[in-house]
PDB file of all heavy atoms in Angstrom:
ATOM      1  N   SER A   1     120.052  83.362 109.032  1.00  0.00           N
ATOM      2  CA  SER A   1     121.368  83.962 109.221  1.00  0.00           C
ATOM      3  C   SER A   1     121.593  85.096 108.222  1.00  0.00           C
ATOM      4  O   SER A   1     120.940  85.170 107.179  1.00  0.00           O
ATOM      5  CB  SER A   1     122.460  82.902 109.042  1.00  0.00           C
ATOM      6  OG  SER A   1     122.627  82.575 107.678  1.00  0.00           O
ATOM      7  N   TYR A   2     122.531  85.948 108.573  1.00  0.00           N
ATOM      8  CA  TYR A   2     122.861  87.083 107.712  1.00  0.00           C
ATOM      9  C   TYR A   2     123.280  86.609 106.327  1.00  0.00           C
ATOM     10  O   TYR A   2     122.873  87.188 105.317  1.00  0.00           O
ATOM     11  CB  TYR A   2     123.971  87.926 108.361  1.00  0.00           C
ATOM     12  CG  TYR A   2     124.437  89.056 107.492  1.00  0.00           C
ATOM     13  CD1 TYR A   2     123.672  90.216 107.367  1.00  0.00           C
ATOM     14  CD2 TYR A   2     125.620  88.960 106.764  1.00  0.00           C
ATOM     15  CE1 TYR A   2     124.084  91.265 106.551  1.00  0.00           C
ATOM     16  CE2 TYR A   2     126.039  90.003 105.938  1.00  0.00           C
ATOM     17  CZ  TYR A   2     125.276  91.145 105.837  1.00  0.00           C
ATOM     18  OH  TYR A   2     125.677  92.170 105.027  1.00  0.00           O
ATOM     19  N   THR A   3     124.073  85.544 106.252  1.00  0.00           N
ATOM     20  CA  THR A   3     124.545  85.009 104.977  1.00  0.00           C
ATOM     21  C   THR A   3     123.382  84.509 104.132  1.00  0.00           C
ATOM     22  O   THR A   3     123.296  84.809 102.942  1.00  0.00           O
ATOM     23  CB  THR A   3     125.567  83.869 105.202  1.00  0.00           C
ATOM     24  OG1 THR A   3     126.644  84.380 105.991  1.00  0.00           O
ATOM     25  CG2 THR A   3     126.106  83.337 103.890  1.00  0.00           C
ATOM     26  N   CYS A   4     122.464  83.770 104.734  1.00  0.00           N
ATOM     27  CA  CYS A   4     121.297  83.265 103.999  1.00  0.00           C
ATOM     28  C   CYS A   4     120.418  84.414 103.510  1.00  0.00           C
ATOM     29  O   CYS A   4     119.937  84.388 102.374  1.00  0.00           O
ATOM     30  CB  CYS A   4     120.478  82.311 104.865  1.00  0.00           C
ATOM     31  SG  CYS A   4     121.274  80.728 105.148  1.00  0.00           S
ATOM     32  N   GLU A   5     120.211  85.406 104.371  1.00  0.00           N
ATOM     33  CA  GLU A   5     119.408  86.560 103.970  1.00  0.00           C
ATOM     34  C   GLU A   5     120.056  87.303 102.811  1.00  0.00           C
ATOM     35  O   GLU A   5     119.378  87.737 101.879  1.00  0.00           O
ATOM     36  CB  GLU A   5     119.213  87.517 105.146  1.00  0.00           C
ATOM     37  CG  GLU A   5     118.168  87.067 106.126  1.00  0.00           C
ATOM     38  CD  GLU A   5     117.923  88.085 107.226  1.00  0.00           C
ATOM     39  OE1 GLU A   5     118.360  89.257 107.080  1.00  0.00           O
ATOM     40  OE2 GLU A   5     117.279  87.715 108.214  1.00  0.00           O
ATOM     41  N   THR A   6     121.379  87.451 102.885  1.00  0.00           N
ATOM     42  CA  THR A   6     122.098  88.149 101.819  1.00  0.00           C
ATOM     43  C   THR A   6     121.994  87.384 100.501  1.00  0.00           C
ATOM     44  O   THR A   6     121.762  87.990  99.444  1.00  0.00           O
ATOM     45  CB  THR A   6     123.579  88.341 102.209  1.00  0.00           C
ATOM     46  OG1 THR A   6     123.634  89.079 103.431  1.00  0.00           O
ATOM     47  CG2 THR A   6     124.342  89.085 101.126  1.00  0.00           C
ATOM     48  N   ILE A   7     122.139  86.077 100.560  1.00  0.00           N
ATOM     49  CA  ILE A   7     122.016  85.259  99.349  1.00  0.00           C
ATOM     50  C   ILE A   7     120.598  85.351  98.785  1.00  0.00           C
ATOM     51  O   ILE A   7     120.406  85.565  97.583  1.00  0.00           O
ATOM     52  CB  ILE A   7     122.423  83.797  99.627  1.00  0.00           C
ATOM     53  CG1 ILE A   7     123.932  83.722  99.896  1.00  0.00           C
ATOM     54  CG2 ILE A   7     122.031  82.884  98.463  1.00  0.00           C
ATOM     55  CD1 ILE A   7     124.400  82.377 100.431  1.00  0.00           C
ATOM     56  N   LEU A   8     119.599  85.217  99.646  1.00  0.00           N
ATOM     57  CA  LEU A   8     118.212  85.287  99.199  1.00  0.00           C
ATOM     58  C   LEU A   8     117.895  86.666  98.623  1.00  0.00           C
ATOM     59  O   LEU A   8     117.265  86.781  97.559  1.00  0.00           O
ATOM     60  CB  LEU A   8     117.254  84.955 100.351  1.00  0.00           C
ATOM     61  CG  LEU A   8     115.767  84.950 100.007  1.00  0.00           C
ATOM     62  CD1 LEU A   8     115.455  83.988  98.860  1.00  0.00           C
ATOM     63  CD2 LEU A   8     114.955  84.596 101.244  1.00  0.00           C
ATOM     64  N   LEU A   9     118.347  87.726  99.289  1.00  0.00           N
ATOM     65  CA  LEU A   9     118.120  89.078  98.793  1.00  0.00           C
ATOM     66  C   LEU A   9     118.814  89.278  97.445  1.00  0.00           C
ATOM     67  O   LEU A   9     118.252  89.901  96.537  1.00  0.00           O
ATOM     68  CB  LEU A   9     118.609  90.113  99.813  1.00  0.00           C
ATOM     69  CG  LEU A   9     118.318  91.578  99.488  1.00  0.00           C
ATOM     70  CD1 LEU A   9     116.823  91.820  99.293  1.00  0.00           C
ATOM     71  CD2 LEU A   9     118.855  92.466 100.604  1.00  0.00           C
ATOM     72  N   SER A  10     120.001  88.722  97.285  1.00  0.00           N
ATOM     73  CA  SER A  10     120.719  88.825  96.009  1.00  0.00           C
ATOM     74  C   SER A  10     119.952  88.129  94.892  1.00  0.00           C
ATOM     75  O   SER A  10     119.828  88.660  93.787  1.00  0.00           O
ATOM     76  CB  SER A  10     122.120  88.202  96.129  1.00  0.00           C
ATOM     77  OG  SER A  10     122.891  88.916  97.055  1.00  0.00           O
ATOM     78  N   VAL A  11     119.425  86.952  95.175  1.00  0.00           N
ATOM     79  CA  VAL A  11     118.644  86.215  94.176  1.00  0.00           C
ATOM     80  C   VAL A  11     117.369  86.977  93.832  1.00  0.00           C
ATOM     81  O   VAL A  11     117.009  87.105  92.658  1.00  0.00           O
ATOM     82  CB  VAL A  11     118.335  84.774  94.668  1.00  0.00           C
ATOM     83  CG1 VAL A  11     117.326  84.080  93.763  1.00  0.00           C
ATOM     84  CG2 VAL A  11     119.611  83.956  94.766  1.00  0.00           C
ATOM     85  N   LEU A  12     116.681  87.492  94.843  1.00  0.00           N
ATOM     86  CA  LEU A  12     115.462  88.260  94.600  1.00  0.00           C
ATOM     87  C   LEU A  12     115.752  89.509  93.774  1.00  0.00           C
ATOM     88  O   LEU A  12     115.000  89.848  92.846  1.00  0.00           O
ATOM     89  CB  LEU A  12     114.783  88.641  95.912  1.00  0.00           C
ATOM     90  CG  LEU A  12     114.109  87.511  96.673  1.00  0.00           C
ATOM     91  CD1 LEU A  12     113.640  88.003  98.041  1.00  0.00           C
ATOM     92  CD2 LEU A  12     112.961  86.919  95.883  1.00  0.00           C
ATOM     93  N   ASN A  13     116.836  90.215  94.106  1.00  0.00           N
ATOM     94  CA  ASN A  13     117.229  91.401  93.328  1.00  0.00           C
ATOM     95  C   ASN A  13     117.518  91.032  91.882  1.00  0.00           C
ATOM     96  O   ASN A  13     117.093  91.725  90.955  1.00  0.00           O
ATOM     97  CB  ASN A  13     118.442  92.091  93.948  1.00  0.00           C
ATOM     98  CG  ASN A  13     118.074  93.005  95.087  1.00  0.00           C
ATOM     99  OD1 ASN A  13     117.069  93.695  95.040  1.00  0.00           O
ATOM    100  ND2 ASN A  13     118.893  93.019  96.118  1.00  0.00           N
ATOM    101  N   TRP A  14     118.242  89.929  91.685  1.00  0.00           N
ATOM    102  CA  TRP A  14     118.559  89.484  90.327  1.00  0.00           C
ATOM    103  C   TRP A  14     117.284  89.154  89.551  1.00  0.00           C
ATOM    104  O   TRP A  14     117.120  89.592  88.407  1.00  0.00           O
ATOM    105  CB  TRP A  14     119.491  88.265  90.363  1.00  0.00           C
ATOM    106  CG  TRP A  14     119.719  87.725  88.992  1.00  0.00           C
ATOM    107  CD1 TRP A  14     120.574  88.204  88.047  1.00  0.00           C
ATOM    108  CD2 TRP A  14     119.044  86.610  88.402  1.00  0.00           C
ATOM    109  NE1 TRP A  14     120.463  87.457  86.899  1.00  0.00           N
ATOM    110  CE2 TRP A  14     119.537  86.472  87.092  1.00  0.00           C
ATOM    111  CE3 TRP A  14     118.070  85.729  88.850  1.00  0.00           C
ATOM    112  CZ2 TRP A  14     119.089  85.476  86.231  1.00  0.00           C
ATOM    113  CZ3 TRP A  14     117.633  84.736  87.986  1.00  0.00           C
ATOM    114  CH2 TRP A  14     118.144  84.612  86.696  1.00  0.00           C
ATOM    115  N   LEU A  15     116.384  88.404  90.160  1.00  0.00           N
ATOM    116  CA  LEU A  15     115.123  88.057  89.489  1.00  0.00           C
ATOM    117  C   LEU A  15     114.299  89.300  89.186  1.00  0.00           C
ATOM    118  O   LEU A  15     113.680  89.401  88.115  1.00  0.00           O
ATOM    119  CB  LEU A  15     114.313  87.074  90.343  1.00  0.00           C
ATOM    120  CG  LEU A  15     114.841  85.649  90.412  1.00  0.00           C
ATOM    121  CD1 LEU A  15     114.071  84.840  91.454  1.00  0.00           C
ATOM    122  CD2 LEU A  15     114.766  84.973  89.052  1.00  0.00           C
ATOM    123  N   HIS A  16     114.298  90.240  90.107  1.00  0.00           N
ATOM    124  CA  HIS A  16     113.572  91.498  89.916  1.00  0.00           C
ATOM    125  C   HIS A  16     114.143  92.253  88.715  1.00  0.00           C
ATOM    126  O   HIS A  16     113.388  92.714  87.843  1.00  0.00           O
ATOM    127  CB  HIS A  16     113.686  92.331  91.196  1.00  0.00           C
ATOM    128  CG  HIS A  16     112.666  93.408  91.332  1.00  0.00           C
ATOM    129  ND1 HIS A  16     111.362  93.167  91.700  1.00  0.00           N
ATOM    130  CD2 HIS A  16     112.763  94.752  91.155  1.00  0.00           C
ATOM    131  CE1 HIS A  16     110.691  94.304  91.745  1.00  0.00           C
ATOM    132  NE2 HIS A  16     111.522  95.291  91.410  1.00  0.00           N
ATOM    133  N   LEU A  17     115.458  92.363  88.663  1.00  0.00           N
ATOM    134  CA  LEU A  17     116.105  93.039  87.538  1.00  0.00           C
ATOM    135  C   LEU A  17     115.887  92.279  86.235  1.00  0.00           C
ATOM    136  O   LEU A  17     115.636  92.881  85.184  1.00  0.00           O
ATOM    137  CB  LEU A  17     117.602  93.208  87.812  1.00  0.00           C
ATOM    138  CG  LEU A  17     117.957  94.213  88.895  1.00  0.00           C
ATOM    139  CD1 LEU A  17     119.445  94.125  89.242  1.00  0.00           C
ATOM    140  CD2 LEU A  17     117.582  95.620  88.473  1.00  0.00           C
ATOM    141  N   PHE A  18     115.974  90.960  86.283  1.00  0.00           N
ATOM    142  CA  PHE A  18     115.777  90.150  85.079  1.00  0.00           C
ATOM    143  C   PHE A  18     114.370  90.333  84.520  1.00  0.00           C
ATOM    144  O   PHE A  18     114.185  90.507  83.309  1.00  0.00           O
ATOM    145  CB  PHE A  18     116.053  88.665  85.367  1.00  0.00           C
ATOM    146  CG  PHE A  18     116.002  87.818  84.137  1.00  0.00           C
ATOM    147  CD1 PHE A  18     117.088  87.759  83.278  1.00  0.00           C
ATOM    148  CD2 PHE A  18     114.861  87.092  83.825  1.00  0.00           C
ATOM    149  CE1 PHE A  18     117.044  86.994  82.122  1.00  0.00           C
ATOM    150  CE2 PHE A  18     114.801  86.315  82.678  1.00  0.00           C
ATOM    151  CZ  PHE A  18     115.899  86.267  81.818  1.00  0.00           C
ATOM    152  N   ALA A  19     113.368  90.318  85.387  1.00  0.00           N
ATOM    153  CA  ALA A  19     111.987  90.510  84.929  1.00  0.00           C
ATOM    154  C   ALA A  19     111.808  91.904  84.331  1.00  0.00           C
ATOM    155  O   ALA A  19     111.128  92.068  83.311  1.00  0.00           O
ATOM    156  CB  ALA A  19     111.009  90.287  86.088  1.00  0.00           C
ATOM    157  N   THR A  20     112.432  92.895  84.938  1.00  0.00           N
ATOM    158  CA  THR A  20     112.358  94.262  84.412  1.00  0.00           C
ATOM    159  C   THR A  20     112.982  94.339  83.025  1.00  0.00           C
ATOM    160  O   THR A  20     112.397  94.890  82.089  1.00  0.00           O
ATOM    161  CB  THR A  20     113.076  95.249  85.361  1.00  0.00           C
ATOM    162  OG1 THR A  20     112.484  95.169  86.657  1.00  0.00           O
ATOM    163  CG2 THR A  20     113.001  96.675  84.844  1.00  0.00           C
ATOM    164  N   VAL A  21     114.173  93.783  82.894  1.00  0.00           N
ATOM    165  CA  VAL A  21     114.883  93.818  81.620  1.00  0.00           C
ATOM    166  C   VAL A  21     114.139  93.009  80.555  1.00  0.00           C
ATOM    167  O   VAL A  21     114.039  93.436  79.400  1.00  0.00           O
ATOM    168  CB  VAL A  21     116.332  93.305  81.793  1.00  0.00           C
ATOM    169  CG1 VAL A  21     117.004  93.079  80.458  1.00  0.00           C
ATOM    170  CG2 VAL A  21     117.131  94.291  82.639  1.00  0.00           C
ATOM    171  N   ALA A  22     113.587  91.866  80.926  1.00  0.00           N
ATOM    172  CA  ALA A  22     112.858  91.041  79.953  1.00  0.00           C
ATOM    173  C   ALA A  22     111.646  91.797  79.416  1.00  0.00           C
ATOM    174  O   ALA A  22     111.401  91.818  78.197  1.00  0.00           O
ATOM    175  CB  ALA A  22     112.437  89.720  80.590  1.00  0.00           C
ATOM    176  N   TRP A  23     110.886  92.419  80.296  1.00  0.00           N
ATOM    177  CA  TRP A  23     109.679  93.135  79.881  1.00  0.00           C
ATOM    178  C   TRP A  23     110.031  94.372  79.051  1.00  0.00           C
ATOM    179  O   TRP A  23     109.578  94.534  77.917  1.00  0.00           O
ATOM    180  CB  TRP A  23     108.873  93.524  81.111  1.00  0.00           C
ATOM    181  CG  TRP A  23     107.533  94.145  80.848  1.00  0.00           C
ATOM    182  CD1 TRP A  23     106.937  94.384  79.638  1.00  0.00           C
ATOM    183  CD2 TRP A  23     106.620  94.617  81.832  1.00  0.00           C
ATOM    184  NE1 TRP A  23     105.704  94.965  79.829  1.00  0.00           N
ATOM    185  CE2 TRP A  23     105.489  95.121  81.173  1.00  0.00           C
ATOM    186  CE3 TRP A  23     106.636  94.666  83.223  1.00  0.00           C
ATOM    187  CZ2 TRP A  23     104.395  95.657  81.836  1.00  0.00           C
ATOM    188  CZ3 TRP A  23     105.547  95.195  83.891  1.00  0.00           C
ATOM    189  CH2 TRP A  23     104.446  95.679  83.197  1.00  0.00           C
ATOM    190  N   ILE A  24     110.866  95.243  79.600  1.00  0.00           N
ATOM    191  CA  ILE A  24     111.199  96.487  78.906  1.00  0.00           C
ATOM    192  C   ILE A  24     112.059  96.205  77.674  1.00  0.00           C
ATOM    193  O   ILE A  24     111.888  96.832  76.625  1.00  0.00           O
ATOM    194  CB  ILE A  24     111.880  97.480  79.867  1.00  0.00           C
ATOM    195  CG1 ILE A  24     110.888  97.844  80.989  1.00  0.00           C
ATOM    196  CG2 ILE A  24     112.351  98.729  79.130  1.00  0.00           C
ATOM    197  CD1 ILE A  24     111.501  98.584  82.147  1.00  0.00           C
TER     198      ILE A  24
END
């Protein structure tokens, strides 16, 4: 569903940003 995809995409974006910030 659109809601599940949005939640999953939000979590993936957050993890992506977190990994970037942790490394840099």
